[in-house]
Amino acid sequence: MALHSWLLFVAAVVVLCGTPGPNMLHVLTRSVTLGWRGALPAMAGCLTALVGVLTASAAGLAALLTAVPGLFDVLRYAGAAYLAWLGLRAIAVRSAPIDVSTDVVPSRHLFRGGFLVGISNPKLLLFATAFLPQFVDPNGSQPVQFAILVATFALVECLWYAAYAIGGRSLARHLTRPRVRRWFDRATGGIFIGFGAALLVSRT
């Protein structure tokens, strides 16, 4: 892989990963309630889903979606339903002041929640399938190049998780009042529902 191609990929991924999406929003909200250290399992779950999707894409899973036309729709509806459920739960939850010192959530639950958020967007698979090959030299070792691209994507994603988590910890200081927390929960729920609706109306 040419160095200039890799640098171009890094620049594109920095912008793409930094754009607020379900993963980043999930990391932010977990950091608000648990602190950035408490949110680490959720980050790990989101990252595991991301790497899994990117790896599946590189391995040619998109060919399966092409061979089975209805499969993408099934994934799209399931992902949209899960994101909508997250949004409704956030809106319906009884808001209370943030107290990061008393919130205790099992790590396995945090990991599972992060993984489900990350895996619930099937558009990531199609995006990765169309995006990654643009930076691969067909004359070089494709497995090695895909491995480099996936590892780079994962590293940049981790750095953005850290940025959002730290920001969430700072935001928690302003959410000690129930009224502010209620509006934050409603905004978060609305955004998750919006992501789900975007999946439903997408036709890619």
Protein backbone atom coordinates (compact mmCIF):
# COMPACT_ATOMS: atom_id res chain seq x y z
CA MET A 1 0.00 0.00 0.00
CA ALA A 2 1.35 3.40 -0.98
CA LEU A 3 1.98 5.79 1.93
CA HIS A 4 -0.08 8.56 0.34
CA SER A 5 -3.07 6.19 0.01
CA TRP A 6 -2.83 5.27 3.68
CA LEU A 7 -2.56 8.92 4.75
CA LEU A 8 -5.61 9.75 2.65
CA PHE A 9 -7.46 6.87 4.30
CA VAL A 10 -6.47 8.14 7.77
CA ALA A 11 -7.73 11.64 6.95
CA ALA A 12 -11.05 10.30 5.69
CA VAL A 13 -11.51 7.99 8.68
CA VAL A 14 -10.74 10.74 11.20
CA VAL A 15 -13.65 12.75 9.78
CA LEU A 16 -15.97 9.77 9.40
CA CYS A 17 -15.40 8.36 12.88
CA GLY A 18 -15.70 11.75 14.52
CA THR A 19 -19.14 12.37 13.04
CA PRO A 20 -21.73 11.74 15.79
CA GLY A 21 -23.45 8.40 15.28
CA PRO A 22 -25.02 5.63 17.38
CA ASN A 23 -21.64 4.36 18.67
CA MET A 24 -20.37 7.77 19.72
CA LEU A 25 -23.68 8.70 21.29
CA HIS A 26 -23.73 5.44 23.25
CA VAL A 27 -20.19 6.02 24.52
CA LEU A 28 -21.09 9.58 25.47
CA THR A 29 -24.19 8.60 27.45
CA ARG A 30 -22.38 5.77 29.23
CA SER A 31 -19.59 8.12 30.17
CA VAL A 32 -22.08 10.64 31.51
CA THR A 33 -23.57 8.12 33.93
CA LEU A 34 -20.54 5.97 34.74
CA GLY A 35 -17.45 8.06 34.10
CA TRP A 36 -14.99 7.29 31.34
CA ARG A 37 -13.47 4.29 33.14
CA GLY A 38 -16.91 2.80 33.74
CA ALA A 39 -17.70 3.25 30.07
CA LEU A 40 -14.70 1.20 28.90
CA PRO A 41 -16.68 -2.09 28.52
CA ALA A 42 -19.26 -0.26 26.38
CA MET A 43 -16.45 1.10 24.22
CA ALA A 44 -15.03 -2.41 23.89
CA GLY A 45 -18.44 -3.72 22.80
CA CYS A 46 -18.87 -1.01 20.16
CA LEU A 47 -15.33 -1.58 18.89
CA THR A 48 -15.76 -5.35 18.73
CA ALA A 49 -18.86 -4.92 16.58
CA LEU A 50 -17.09 -2.40 14.35
CA VAL A 51 -14.03 -4.59 13.79
CA GLY A 52 -16.25 -7.60 13.19
CA VAL A 53 -18.25 -5.77 10.54
CA LEU A 54 -15.14 -4.40 8.85
CA THR A 55 -13.51 -7.83 8.86
CA ALA A 56 -16.65 -9.45 7.48
CA SER A 57 -16.75 -6.81 4.79
CA ALA A 58 -13.14 -7.44 3.85
CA ALA A 59 -13.87 -11.17 3.77
CA GLY A 60 -16.59 -10.67 1.21
CA LEU A 61 -19.81 -10.81 3.23
CA ALA A 62 -21.22 -8.17 0.91
CA ALA A 63 -21.34 -10.87 -1.76
CA LEU A 64 -23.78 -12.76 0.47
CA LEU A 65 -26.00 -9.69 0.76
CA THR A 66 -25.99 -9.46 -3.02
CA ALA A 67 -26.86 -13.14 -3.39
CA VAL A 68 -29.69 -12.88 -0.83
CA PRO A 69 -31.50 -9.62 -1.67
CA GLY A 70 -33.85 -9.72 1.33
CA LEU A 71 -31.10 -10.18 3.90
CA PHE A 72 -30.14 -6.52 4.05
CA ASP A 73 -33.75 -5.49 4.64
CA VAL A 74 -33.99 -7.93 7.56
CA LEU A 75 -30.83 -6.47 9.09
CA ARG A 76 -31.99 -2.93 8.41
CA TYR A 77 -35.35 -3.41 10.11
CA ALA A 78 -33.79 -5.19 13.08
CA GLY A 79 -31.20 -2.45 13.51
CA ALA A 80 -33.78 0.31 13.21
CA ALA A 81 -36.03 -1.40 15.77
CA TYR A 82 -33.21 -1.74 18.28
CA LEU A 83 -32.14 1.90 17.93
CA ALA A 84 -35.75 3.03 18.28
CA TRP A 85 -36.09 0.91 21.43
CA LEU A 86 -32.98 2.55 22.89
CA GLY A 87 -34.45 5.96 22.10
CA LEU A 88 -37.84 5.22 23.64
CA ARG A 89 -36.20 3.80 26.74
CA ALA A 90 -34.08 6.94 27.14
CA ILE A 91 -37.15 9.16 26.79
CA ALA A 92 -39.29 7.10 29.18
CA VAL A 93 -36.68 6.64 31.89
CA ARG A 94 -37.31 8.53 35.12
CA SER A 95 -34.61 11.17 35.15
CA ALA A 96 -32.55 11.66 38.28
CA PRO A 97 -29.43 13.64 39.09
CA ILE A 98 -26.20 12.08 37.86
CA ASP A 99 -24.12 10.41 40.55
CA VAL A 100 -21.24 8.58 38.94
CA SER A 101 -20.00 7.27 42.25
CA THR A 102 -23.07 5.10 42.89
CA ASP A 103 -23.91 3.78 39.41
CA VAL A 104 -22.84 0.13 39.18
CA VAL A 105 -23.52 -1.80 35.97
CA PRO A 106 -21.97 -5.23 35.30
CA SER A 107 -19.23 -5.03 32.69
CA ARG A 108 -20.80 -7.83 30.63
CA HIS A 109 -24.03 -5.81 30.34
CA LEU A 110 -22.11 -2.73 29.26
CA PHE A 111 -20.16 -4.74 26.69
CA ARG A 112 -23.32 -6.37 25.34
CA GLY A 113 -25.10 -3.03 25.07
CA GLY A 114 -22.19 -1.49 23.19
CA PHE A 115 -21.94 -4.49 20.88
CA LEU A 116 -25.66 -4.41 20.04
CA VAL A 117 -25.52 -0.69 19.26
CA GLY A 118 -22.47 -1.20 17.05
CA ILE A 119 -23.85 -4.21 15.20
CA SER A 120 -27.36 -2.77 14.76
CA ASN A 121 -26.42 -0.62 11.77
CA PRO A 122 -26.16 -2.82 8.66
CA LYS A 123 -25.27 0.20 6.53
CA LEU A 124 -21.81 0.04 8.08
CA LEU A 125 -21.24 -3.23 6.25
CA LEU A 126 -22.17 -1.81 2.87
CA PHE A 127 -20.23 1.38 3.55
CA ALA A 128 -17.12 -0.59 4.46
CA THR A 129 -17.50 -2.77 1.40
CA ALA A 130 -17.59 0.26 -0.87
CA PHE A 131 -15.04 2.32 1.07
CA LEU A 132 -12.17 0.02 2.00
CA PRO A 133 -11.39 -1.33 -1.50
CA GLN A 134 -10.75 2.21 -2.75
CA PHE A 135 -7.46 2.24 -0.83
CA VAL A 136 -6.26 -1.26 -1.74
CA ASP A 137 -3.59 -1.80 -4.37
CA PRO A 138 -4.76 -4.78 -6.48
CA ASN A 139 -1.14 -5.60 -7.25
CA GLY A 140 -0.20 -6.00 -3.59
CA SER A 141 -1.17 -8.46 -0.89
CA GLN A 142 -4.85 -7.72 -0.37
CA PRO A 143 -5.24 -9.54 2.99
CA VAL A 144 -2.34 -7.55 4.45
CA GLN A 145 -3.69 -4.28 3.10
CA PHE A 146 -7.19 -4.95 4.42
CA ALA A 147 -5.70 -5.84 7.81
CA ILE A 148 -3.85 -2.51 7.88
CA LEU A 149 -6.99 -0.59 6.93
CA VAL A 150 -9.14 -2.34 9.54
CA ALA A 151 -6.51 -1.81 12.25
CA THR A 152 -6.20 1.86 11.32
CA PHE A 153 -9.97 2.32 11.37
CA ALA A 154 -10.18 0.66 14.79
CA LEU A 155 -7.39 2.83 16.23
CA VAL A 156 -8.98 6.07 15.02
CA GLU A 157 -12.35 4.92 16.36
CA CYS A 158 -10.76 4.24 19.77
CA LEU A 159 -9.29 7.73 19.88
CA TRP A 160 -12.70 9.23 19.15
CA TYR A 161 -14.29 7.01 21.82
CA ALA A 162 -11.82 8.45 24.31
CA ALA A 163 -12.63 12.00 23.22
CA TYR A 164 -16.37 11.44 23.56
CA ALA A 165 -15.95 9.63 26.88
CA ILE A 166 -13.90 12.44 28.37
CA GLY A 167 -16.44 14.93 27.06
CA GLY A 168 -19.20 12.90 28.66
CA ARG A 169 -17.47 12.97 32.01
CA SER A 170 -17.26 16.75 31.77
CA LEU A 171 -20.89 16.95 30.72
CA ALA A 172 -21.91 14.98 33.81
CA ARG A 173 -21.04 17.98 35.98
CA HIS A 174 -23.87 19.90 34.32
CA LEU A 175 -26.39 17.07 34.69
CA THR A 176 -26.68 17.07 38.46
CA ARG A 177 -30.09 18.74 38.20
CA PRO A 178 -33.05 16.47 37.35
CA ARG A 179 -34.54 18.96 34.89
CA VAL A 180 -31.32 19.20 32.88
CA ARG A 181 -30.93 15.42 32.99
CA ARG A 182 -34.50 14.99 31.72
CA TRP A 183 -33.84 17.18 28.70
CA PHE A 184 -30.57 15.37 28.05
CA ASP A 185 -32.34 11.99 28.12
CA ARG A 186 -35.04 13.25 25.78
CA ALA A 187 -32.50 14.64 23.35
CA THR A 188 -30.51 11.41 23.45
CA GLY A 189 -33.65 9.34 22.88
CA GLY A 190 -34.71 11.53 19.99
CA ILE A 191 -31.32 11.16 18.32
CA PHE A 192 -31.39 7.36 18.65
CA ILE A 193 -34.90 7.28 17.17
CA GLY A 194 -33.65 9.52 14.39
CA PHE A 195 -30.86 7.07 13.60
CA GLY A 196 -33.40 4.26 13.48
CA ALA A 197 -35.66 6.25 11.17
CA ALA A 198 -32.69 6.99 8.90
CA LEU A 199 -32.09 3.26 8.58
CA LEU A 200 -35.71 2.65 7.64
CA VAL A 201 -35.77 5.28 4.90
CA SER A 202 -32.37 4.37 3.48
CA ARG A 203 -32.39 2.50 0.19
CA THR A 204 -28.70 1.74 -0.25
